[in-house]
């Protein structure tokens, strides 16, 4: 029987391939849970009155780490089930603020996809990931290098 929801194997990803994830709205509950879980209790995130005068546009600012985490969740759900073996490294840049009630998705371009030197059952995949808000603005760009399973390894 076929299993649905499996991730993309390294050999399914070709240099130049592009795709996007579904979108997700970042809620007040997401912000409160994240800052309480991580201890990231910066007043920009916890004091609405302070944020009105100090945050960009006086909005309910969301930490870049939360936005990145949501983006990774969107990618895990759509591309990494049974294929994501390790997150090896990345570059990361926050280019614009994100606020509560912003809706984000991830646009991905494959930069590298090749077998490892030790085994064709594993590959290295590097992408550029742009997190885009509902206004079409890039808010974060990052480029992860991941260790990914082959089709055979994923399906067994």
N, C-alpha and C. Protein backbone atom coordinates (compact mmCIF):
# COMPACT_ATOMS: atom_id res chain seq x y z
N UNK A 1 0.84 -1.17 0.00
CA UNK A 1 0.00 0.00 0.00
C UNK A 1 0.89 1.25 0.00
N UNK A 2 0.51 2.23 -0.77
CA UNK A 2 1.28 3.47 -0.88
C UNK A 2 1.09 4.32 0.37
N UNK A 3 2.17 4.95 0.83
CA UNK A 3 2.11 5.89 1.96
C UNK A 3 2.08 7.30 1.42
N UNK A 4 1.11 8.10 1.83
CA UNK A 4 1.04 9.49 1.41
C UNK A 4 1.72 10.38 2.45
N UNK A 5 2.14 11.56 2.03
CA UNK A 5 2.75 12.51 2.96
C UNK A 5 4.24 12.36 3.13
N UNK A 6 4.86 11.51 2.29
CA UNK A 6 6.31 11.33 2.40
C UNK A 6 7.05 12.55 1.88
N UNK A 7 8.23 12.80 2.44
CA UNK A 7 9.04 13.93 2.02
C UNK A 7 9.74 13.68 0.69
N UNK A 8 10.36 14.73 0.21
CA UNK A 8 11.11 14.66 -1.04
C UNK A 8 12.49 14.08 -0.78
N UNK A 9 12.85 13.05 -1.54
CA UNK A 9 14.19 12.47 -1.44
C UNK A 9 15.19 13.40 -2.11
N UNK A 10 16.46 13.26 -1.73
CA UNK A 10 17.46 14.19 -2.26
C UNK A 10 17.50 14.14 -3.78
N UNK A 11 17.33 12.94 -4.38
CA UNK A 11 17.44 12.86 -5.84
C UNK A 11 16.20 13.38 -6.56
N UNK A 12 15.13 13.67 -5.82
CA UNK A 12 13.93 14.29 -6.41
C UNK A 12 14.09 15.80 -6.55
N UNK A 13 15.10 16.36 -5.90
CA UNK A 13 15.32 17.81 -5.90
C UNK A 13 16.46 18.16 -6.85
N UNK A 14 16.15 18.89 -7.89
CA UNK A 14 17.14 19.28 -8.89
C UNK A 14 17.52 20.74 -8.70
N UNK A 15 18.78 21.06 -8.96
CA UNK A 15 19.23 22.44 -8.87
C UNK A 15 18.33 23.31 -9.75
N UNK A 16 17.84 24.39 -9.18
CA UNK A 16 16.94 25.30 -9.90
C UNK A 16 15.47 25.05 -9.64
N UNK A 17 15.13 23.88 -9.07
CA UNK A 17 13.73 23.63 -8.72
C UNK A 17 13.25 24.70 -7.75
N UNK A 18 11.99 25.10 -7.91
CA UNK A 18 11.38 26.09 -7.01
C UNK A 18 9.99 25.59 -6.61
N UNK A 19 9.63 25.85 -5.36
CA UNK A 19 8.28 25.52 -4.88
C UNK A 19 7.97 26.39 -3.68
N UNK A 20 6.69 26.39 -3.30
CA UNK A 20 6.27 27.14 -2.13
C UNK A 20 5.41 26.27 -1.24
N UNK A 21 5.38 26.61 0.04
CA UNK A 21 4.57 25.88 0.99
C UNK A 21 3.18 26.51 1.07
N UNK A 22 2.31 25.86 1.80
CA UNK A 22 1.06 26.48 2.21
C UNK A 22 1.38 27.63 3.16
N UNK A 23 0.40 28.43 3.49
CA UNK A 23 0.61 29.58 4.37
C UNK A 23 0.06 29.30 5.76
N UNK A 24 0.53 30.09 6.72
CA UNK A 24 0.05 29.98 8.11
C UNK A 24 0.04 31.36 8.74
N UNK A 25 -1.04 31.68 9.45
CA UNK A 25 -1.16 32.95 10.16
C UNK A 25 -0.53 32.80 11.55
N UNK A 26 0.29 33.76 11.94
CA UNK A 26 0.92 33.77 13.26
C UNK A 26 -0.02 34.49 14.22
N UNK A 27 -0.45 33.81 15.25
CA UNK A 27 -1.45 34.34 16.16
C UNK A 27 -0.83 34.88 17.45
N UNK A 28 -1.64 35.59 18.21
CA UNK A 28 -1.23 36.06 19.55
C UNK A 28 -0.87 34.87 20.43
N UNK A 29 -1.63 33.80 20.32
CA UNK A 29 -1.35 32.59 21.10
C UNK A 29 0.02 32.01 20.74
N UNK A 30 0.35 31.98 19.44
CA UNK A 30 1.68 31.52 19.02
C UNK A 30 2.76 32.34 19.71
N UNK A 31 2.60 33.66 19.69
CA UNK A 31 3.60 34.55 20.30
C UNK A 31 3.73 34.28 21.79
N UNK A 32 2.63 34.26 22.51
CA UNK A 32 2.67 34.06 23.96
C UNK A 32 3.28 32.71 24.31
N UNK A 33 2.87 31.66 23.62
CA UNK A 33 3.43 30.33 23.90
C UNK A 33 4.92 30.29 23.62
N UNK A 34 5.35 30.89 22.52
CA UNK A 34 6.77 30.87 22.14
C UNK A 34 7.62 31.62 23.15
N UNK A 35 7.22 32.84 23.50
CA UNK A 35 8.07 33.61 24.42
C UNK A 35 8.10 32.98 25.81
N UNK A 36 7.00 32.37 26.23
CA UNK A 36 7.00 31.70 27.53
C UNK A 36 7.81 30.40 27.50
N UNK A 37 7.75 29.67 26.41
CA UNK A 37 8.51 28.42 26.29
C UNK A 37 10.00 28.68 26.23
N UNK A 38 10.39 29.70 25.48
CA UNK A 38 11.82 29.97 25.27
C UNK A 38 12.43 30.88 26.32
N UNK A 39 11.59 31.60 27.08
CA UNK A 39 12.12 32.59 28.01
C UNK A 39 12.50 33.89 27.33
N UNK A 40 12.08 34.05 26.09
CA UNK A 40 12.40 35.24 25.30
C UNK A 40 11.42 36.37 25.68
N UNK A 41 11.51 36.81 26.92
CA UNK A 41 10.53 37.75 27.47
C UNK A 41 10.97 39.21 27.30
N UNK A 42 11.52 39.53 26.15
CA UNK A 42 11.88 40.90 25.79
C UNK A 42 10.63 41.77 25.81
N UNK A 43 10.75 43.00 26.35
CA UNK A 43 9.58 43.86 26.48
C UNK A 43 8.92 44.18 25.14
N UNK A 44 9.68 44.13 24.05
CA UNK A 44 9.05 44.34 22.74
C UNK A 44 7.98 43.29 22.46
N UNK A 45 8.11 42.13 23.09
CA UNK A 45 7.16 41.04 22.86
C UNK A 45 6.14 40.89 23.99
N UNK A 46 6.41 41.47 25.16
CA UNK A 46 5.56 41.24 26.33
C UNK A 46 4.80 42.46 26.81
N UNK A 47 5.19 43.65 26.39
CA UNK A 47 4.58 44.88 26.88
C UNK A 47 3.97 45.65 25.71
N UNK A 48 2.66 45.54 25.56
CA UNK A 48 1.98 46.15 24.41
C UNK A 48 2.16 47.67 24.40
N UNK A 49 2.10 48.30 25.55
CA UNK A 49 2.26 49.76 25.61
C UNK A 49 3.66 50.18 25.19
N UNK A 50 4.67 49.46 25.62
CA UNK A 50 6.05 49.74 25.21
C UNK A 50 6.19 49.55 23.69
N UNK A 51 5.61 48.48 23.19
CA UNK A 51 5.71 48.19 21.75
C UNK A 51 5.04 49.27 20.90
N UNK A 52 3.98 49.87 21.42
CA UNK A 52 3.29 50.93 20.66
C UNK A 52 4.23 52.08 20.32
N UNK A 53 5.19 52.36 21.18
CA UNK A 53 6.10 53.49 20.93
C UNK A 53 7.48 53.06 20.45
N UNK A 54 7.85 51.78 20.60
CA UNK A 54 9.22 51.36 20.26
C UNK A 54 9.32 50.33 19.14
N UNK A 55 8.26 49.58 18.89
CA UNK A 55 8.31 48.56 17.83
C UNK A 55 8.03 49.22 16.48
N UNK A 56 8.54 48.62 15.39
CA UNK A 56 8.22 49.15 14.07
C UNK A 56 6.71 49.24 13.88
N UNK A 57 6.25 50.35 13.39
CA UNK A 57 4.83 50.58 13.13
C UNK A 57 3.96 50.43 14.37
N UNK A 58 4.59 50.37 15.57
CA UNK A 58 3.83 50.22 16.80
C UNK A 58 3.07 48.92 16.91
N UNK A 59 3.49 47.93 16.13
CA UNK A 59 2.75 46.68 16.06
C UNK A 59 3.16 45.66 17.09
N UNK A 60 2.45 44.56 17.11
CA UNK A 60 2.72 43.43 18.01
C UNK A 60 3.78 42.56 17.34
N UNK A 61 5.02 42.88 17.60
CA UNK A 61 6.18 42.29 16.95
C UNK A 61 6.35 40.81 17.33
N UNK A 62 6.79 40.00 16.37
CA UNK A 62 7.02 38.58 16.57
C UNK A 62 8.53 38.32 16.41
N UNK A 63 9.15 37.55 17.32
CA UNK A 63 10.57 37.25 17.18
C UNK A 63 10.87 36.50 15.88
N UNK A 64 11.98 36.84 15.25
CA UNK A 64 12.40 36.14 14.04
C UNK A 64 12.54 34.65 14.26
N UNK A 65 12.95 34.25 15.47
CA UNK A 65 13.10 32.83 15.77
C UNK A 65 11.77 32.09 15.68
N UNK A 66 10.68 32.75 16.06
CA UNK A 66 9.35 32.14 15.94
C UNK A 66 8.94 32.03 14.47
N UNK A 67 9.18 33.07 13.71
CA UNK A 67 8.83 33.06 12.28
C UNK A 67 9.60 31.94 11.58
N UNK A 68 10.90 31.82 11.87
CA UNK A 68 11.72 30.76 11.31
C UNK A 68 11.18 29.38 11.71
N UNK A 69 10.81 29.21 12.98
CA UNK A 69 10.29 27.93 13.46
C UNK A 69 9.01 27.54 12.73
N UNK A 70 8.13 28.51 12.51
CA UNK A 70 6.90 28.23 11.77
C UNK A 70 7.23 27.83 10.33
N UNK A 71 8.19 28.53 9.72
CA UNK A 71 8.60 28.18 8.35
C UNK A 71 9.13 26.75 8.29
N UNK A 72 9.96 26.37 9.24
CA UNK A 72 10.49 25.01 9.26
C UNK A 72 9.37 24.00 9.44
N UNK A 73 8.38 24.33 10.26
CA UNK A 73 7.23 23.45 10.42
C UNK A 73 6.47 23.25 9.12
N UNK A 74 6.30 24.33 8.37
CA UNK A 74 5.63 24.22 7.07
C UNK A 74 6.43 23.32 6.13
N UNK A 75 7.74 23.40 6.19
CA UNK A 75 8.59 22.57 5.33
C UNK A 75 8.60 21.11 5.78
N UNK A 76 8.65 20.87 7.09
CA UNK A 76 8.63 19.49 7.58
C UNK A 76 7.34 18.80 7.14
N UNK A 77 6.22 19.50 7.28
CA UNK A 77 4.94 18.91 6.91
C UNK A 77 4.86 18.56 5.43
N UNK A 78 5.53 19.34 4.60
CA UNK A 78 5.34 19.18 3.16
C UNK A 78 6.50 18.53 2.42
N UNK A 79 7.70 18.53 2.99
CA UNK A 79 8.84 18.04 2.20
C UNK A 79 9.82 17.13 2.94
N UNK A 80 9.74 17.02 4.26
CA UNK A 80 10.82 16.35 4.99
C UNK A 80 10.44 15.07 5.73
N UNK A 81 9.18 14.63 5.64
CA UNK A 81 8.80 13.41 6.35
C UNK A 81 9.58 12.20 5.82
N UNK A 82 10.29 11.53 6.71
CA UNK A 82 11.12 10.35 6.42
C UNK A 82 12.33 10.65 5.55
N UNK A 83 12.55 11.89 5.18
CA UNK A 83 13.74 12.20 4.36
C UNK A 83 14.71 13.13 5.07
N UNK A 84 14.23 13.94 5.99
CA UNK A 84 15.12 14.85 6.70
C UNK A 84 15.93 14.10 7.74
N UNK A 85 17.23 13.96 7.51
CA UNK A 85 18.10 13.20 8.42
C UNK A 85 18.87 14.10 9.38
N UNK A 86 19.31 15.27 8.90
CA UNK A 86 20.06 16.18 9.77
C UNK A 86 20.05 17.58 9.18
N UNK A 87 19.98 18.55 10.06
CA UNK A 87 20.13 19.97 9.69
C UNK A 87 21.57 20.31 10.00
N UNK A 88 22.38 20.60 8.97
CA UNK A 88 23.82 20.73 9.15
C UNK A 88 24.30 22.16 9.41
N UNK A 89 23.76 23.13 8.68
CA UNK A 89 24.18 24.52 8.85
C UNK A 89 23.23 25.42 8.09
N UNK A 90 23.39 26.75 8.29
CA UNK A 90 22.60 27.68 7.50
C UNK A 90 23.15 29.10 7.64
N UNK A 91 22.79 29.93 6.66
CA UNK A 91 22.91 31.36 6.79
C UNK A 91 21.51 31.87 7.08
N UNK A 92 21.39 33.04 7.72
CA UNK A 92 20.09 33.51 8.20
C UNK A 92 20.09 35.03 8.25
N UNK A 93 19.06 35.66 7.68
CA UNK A 93 18.97 37.11 7.73
C UNK A 93 17.50 37.54 7.86
N UNK A 94 17.22 38.32 8.90
CA UNK A 94 15.91 38.94 9.05
C UNK A 94 15.96 40.25 8.26
N UNK A 95 15.04 40.40 7.30
CA UNK A 95 15.08 41.59 6.43
C UNK A 95 13.91 42.54 6.65
N UNK A 96 12.87 42.09 7.37
CA UNK A 96 11.72 42.95 7.66
C UNK A 96 11.00 42.38 8.88
N UNK A 97 10.27 43.24 9.61
CA UNK A 97 9.56 42.76 10.80
C UNK A 97 8.34 41.92 10.43
N UNK A 98 7.98 41.04 11.37
CA UNK A 98 6.76 40.25 11.28
C UNK A 98 5.93 40.55 12.52
N UNK A 99 4.61 40.62 12.32
CA UNK A 99 3.71 40.99 13.40
C UNK A 99 2.66 39.91 13.62
N UNK A 100 2.06 39.90 14.82
CA UNK A 100 0.92 39.03 15.08
C UNK A 100 -0.12 39.29 14.00
N UNK A 101 -0.74 38.25 13.53
CA UNK A 101 -1.75 38.22 12.47
C UNK A 101 -1.17 38.31 11.07
N UNK A 102 0.15 38.35 10.91
CA UNK A 102 0.74 38.20 9.58
C UNK A 102 0.61 36.74 9.16
N UNK A 103 0.43 36.52 7.88
CA UNK A 103 0.35 35.18 7.31
C UNK A 103 1.58 34.97 6.45
N UNK A 104 2.31 33.88 6.72
CA UNK A 104 3.57 33.64 6.02
C UNK A 104 3.55 32.30 5.29
N UNK A 105 4.33 32.24 4.23
CA UNK A 105 4.62 30.98 3.54
C UNK A 105 6.10 31.00 3.20
N UNK A 106 6.62 29.87 2.71
CA UNK A 106 8.04 29.76 2.36
C UNK A 106 8.16 29.48 0.88
N UNK A 107 9.03 30.25 0.22
CA UNK A 107 9.38 29.99 -1.18
C UNK A 107 10.80 29.46 -1.21
N UNK A 108 10.98 28.32 -1.86
CA UNK A 108 12.22 27.56 -1.81
C UNK A 108 12.81 27.43 -3.20
N UNK A 109 14.14 27.58 -3.28
CA UNK A 109 14.88 27.27 -4.51
C UNK A 109 16.02 26.34 -4.16
N UNK A 110 16.15 25.24 -4.90
CA UNK A 110 17.21 24.27 -4.67
C UNK A 110 18.51 24.78 -5.29
N UNK A 111 19.55 24.90 -4.47
CA UNK A 111 20.87 25.35 -4.92
C UNK A 111 21.83 24.20 -5.16
N UNK A 112 21.65 23.13 -4.40
CA UNK A 112 22.56 21.98 -4.47
C UNK A 112 21.80 20.74 -4.05
N UNK A 113 22.02 19.63 -4.75
CA UNK A 113 21.43 18.35 -4.39
C UNK A 113 22.32 17.26 -4.97
N UNK A 114 23.00 16.53 -4.08
CA UNK A 114 23.95 15.52 -4.56
C UNK A 114 24.14 14.44 -3.51
N UNK A 115 24.57 13.28 -3.96
CA UNK A 115 24.87 12.18 -3.03
C UNK A 115 26.06 12.57 -2.16
N UNK A 116 26.09 12.03 -0.96
CA UNK A 116 27.26 12.24 -0.11
C UNK A 116 28.41 11.41 -0.67
N UNK A 117 29.61 11.71 -0.23
CA UNK A 117 30.78 10.97 -0.71
C UNK A 117 30.80 9.54 -0.18
N UNK A 118 30.05 9.25 0.88
CA UNK A 118 30.09 7.93 1.49
C UNK A 118 28.98 7.00 1.05
N UNK A 119 27.82 7.55 0.63
CA UNK A 119 26.68 6.69 0.34
C UNK A 119 25.65 7.40 -0.52
N UNK A 120 25.18 6.73 -1.57
CA UNK A 120 24.12 7.30 -2.41
C UNK A 120 22.76 7.24 -1.71
N UNK A 121 22.67 6.55 -0.57
CA UNK A 121 21.41 6.51 0.17
C UNK A 121 21.18 7.79 0.97
N UNK A 122 22.19 8.65 0.95
CA UNK A 122 22.09 9.96 1.62
C UNK A 122 22.61 11.04 0.69
N UNK A 123 21.97 12.19 0.78
CA UNK A 123 22.41 13.30 -0.07
C UNK A 123 22.46 14.60 0.70
N UNK A 124 23.19 15.56 0.15
CA UNK A 124 23.26 16.90 0.70
C UNK A 124 22.37 17.80 -0.14
N UNK A 125 21.51 18.54 0.52
CA UNK A 125 20.59 19.44 -0.18
C UNK A 125 20.73 20.83 0.45
N UNK A 126 21.05 21.81 -0.38
CA UNK A 126 21.12 23.20 0.05
C UNK A 126 20.04 23.98 -0.70
N UNK A 127 19.28 24.79 0.02
CA UNK A 127 18.23 25.60 -0.59
C UNK A 127 18.36 27.04 -0.12
N UNK A 128 17.74 27.94 -0.85
CA UNK A 128 17.47 29.28 -0.35
C UNK A 128 15.99 29.33 -0.03
N UNK A 129 15.67 29.71 1.20
CA UNK A 129 14.29 29.76 1.65
C UNK A 129 13.93 31.20 1.99
N UNK A 130 12.94 31.72 1.32
CA UNK A 130 12.44 33.06 1.61
C UNK A 130 11.10 32.94 2.29
N UNK A 131 10.98 33.55 3.48
CA UNK A 131 9.71 33.59 4.19
C UNK A 131 9.02 34.88 3.76
N UNK A 132 7.82 34.72 3.19
CA UNK A 132 7.08 35.81 2.57
C UNK A 132 5.79 36.05 3.35
N UNK A 133 5.47 37.32 3.59
CA UNK A 133 4.21 37.63 4.29
C UNK A 133 3.07 37.85 3.30
N UNK A 134 1.90 38.14 3.83
CA UNK A 134 0.69 38.28 3.01
C UNK A 134 0.75 39.48 2.07
N UNK A 135 1.68 40.39 2.28
CA UNK A 135 1.84 41.54 1.38
C UNK A 135 2.89 41.27 0.29
N UNK A 136 3.40 40.04 0.26
CA UNK A 136 4.41 39.68 -0.74
C UNK A 136 5.81 40.14 -0.37
N UNK A 137 6.01 40.55 0.88
CA UNK A 137 7.32 41.03 1.33
C UNK A 137 8.12 39.88 1.92
N UNK A 138 9.39 39.81 1.58
CA UNK A 138 10.28 38.85 2.21
C UNK A 138 10.63 39.38 3.60
N UNK A 139 10.40 38.55 4.63
CA UNK A 139 10.71 38.97 5.99
C UNK A 139 11.97 38.30 6.52
N UNK A 140 12.24 37.08 6.07
CA UNK A 140 13.46 36.36 6.44
C UNK A 140 13.93 35.58 5.24
N UNK A 141 15.24 35.53 5.07
CA UNK A 141 15.83 34.65 4.07
C UNK A 141 16.89 33.81 4.76
N UNK A 142 16.88 32.51 4.47
CA UNK A 142 17.90 31.63 5.05
C UNK A 142 18.23 30.53 4.06
N UNK A 143 19.42 29.97 4.22
CA UNK A 143 19.88 28.96 3.29
C UNK A 143 20.43 27.77 4.08
N UNK A 144 19.58 26.76 4.32
CA UNK A 144 20.03 25.59 5.07
C UNK A 144 20.74 24.55 4.19
N UNK A 145 21.64 23.82 4.82
CA UNK A 145 22.23 22.63 4.23
C UNK A 145 21.73 21.46 5.07
N UNK A 146 21.07 20.50 4.40
CA UNK A 146 20.48 19.36 5.10
C UNK A 146 21.04 18.05 4.55
N UNK A 147 21.07 17.06 5.42
CA UNK A 147 21.35 15.69 5.01
C UNK A 147 20.00 15.03 4.80
N UNK A 148 19.79 14.47 3.60
CA UNK A 148 18.48 13.92 3.24
C UNK A 148 18.62 12.48 2.76
N UNK A 149 17.57 11.71 2.98
CA UNK A 149 17.54 10.31 2.56
C UNK A 149 17.24 10.20 1.07
N UNK A 150 17.65 9.07 0.50
CA UNK A 150 17.29 8.73 -0.88
C UNK A 150 15.87 8.16 -0.91
N UNK A 151 15.35 7.95 -2.11
CA UNK A 151 14.03 7.33 -2.25
C UNK A 151 14.00 5.95 -1.61
N UNK A 152 15.03 5.15 -1.89
CA UNK A 152 15.06 3.78 -1.35
C UNK A 152 15.10 3.79 0.18
N UNK A 153 15.92 4.66 0.75
CA UNK A 153 16.02 4.72 2.22
C UNK A 153 14.72 5.23 2.83
N UNK A 154 14.07 6.20 2.20
CA UNK A 154 12.81 6.75 2.69
C UNK A 154 11.71 5.70 2.68
N UNK A 155 11.65 4.90 1.63
CA UNK A 155 10.53 3.99 1.43
C UNK A 155 10.69 2.66 2.16
N UNK A 156 11.84 2.42 2.74
CA UNK A 156 12.06 1.15 3.47
C UNK A 156 11.99 1.33 4.96
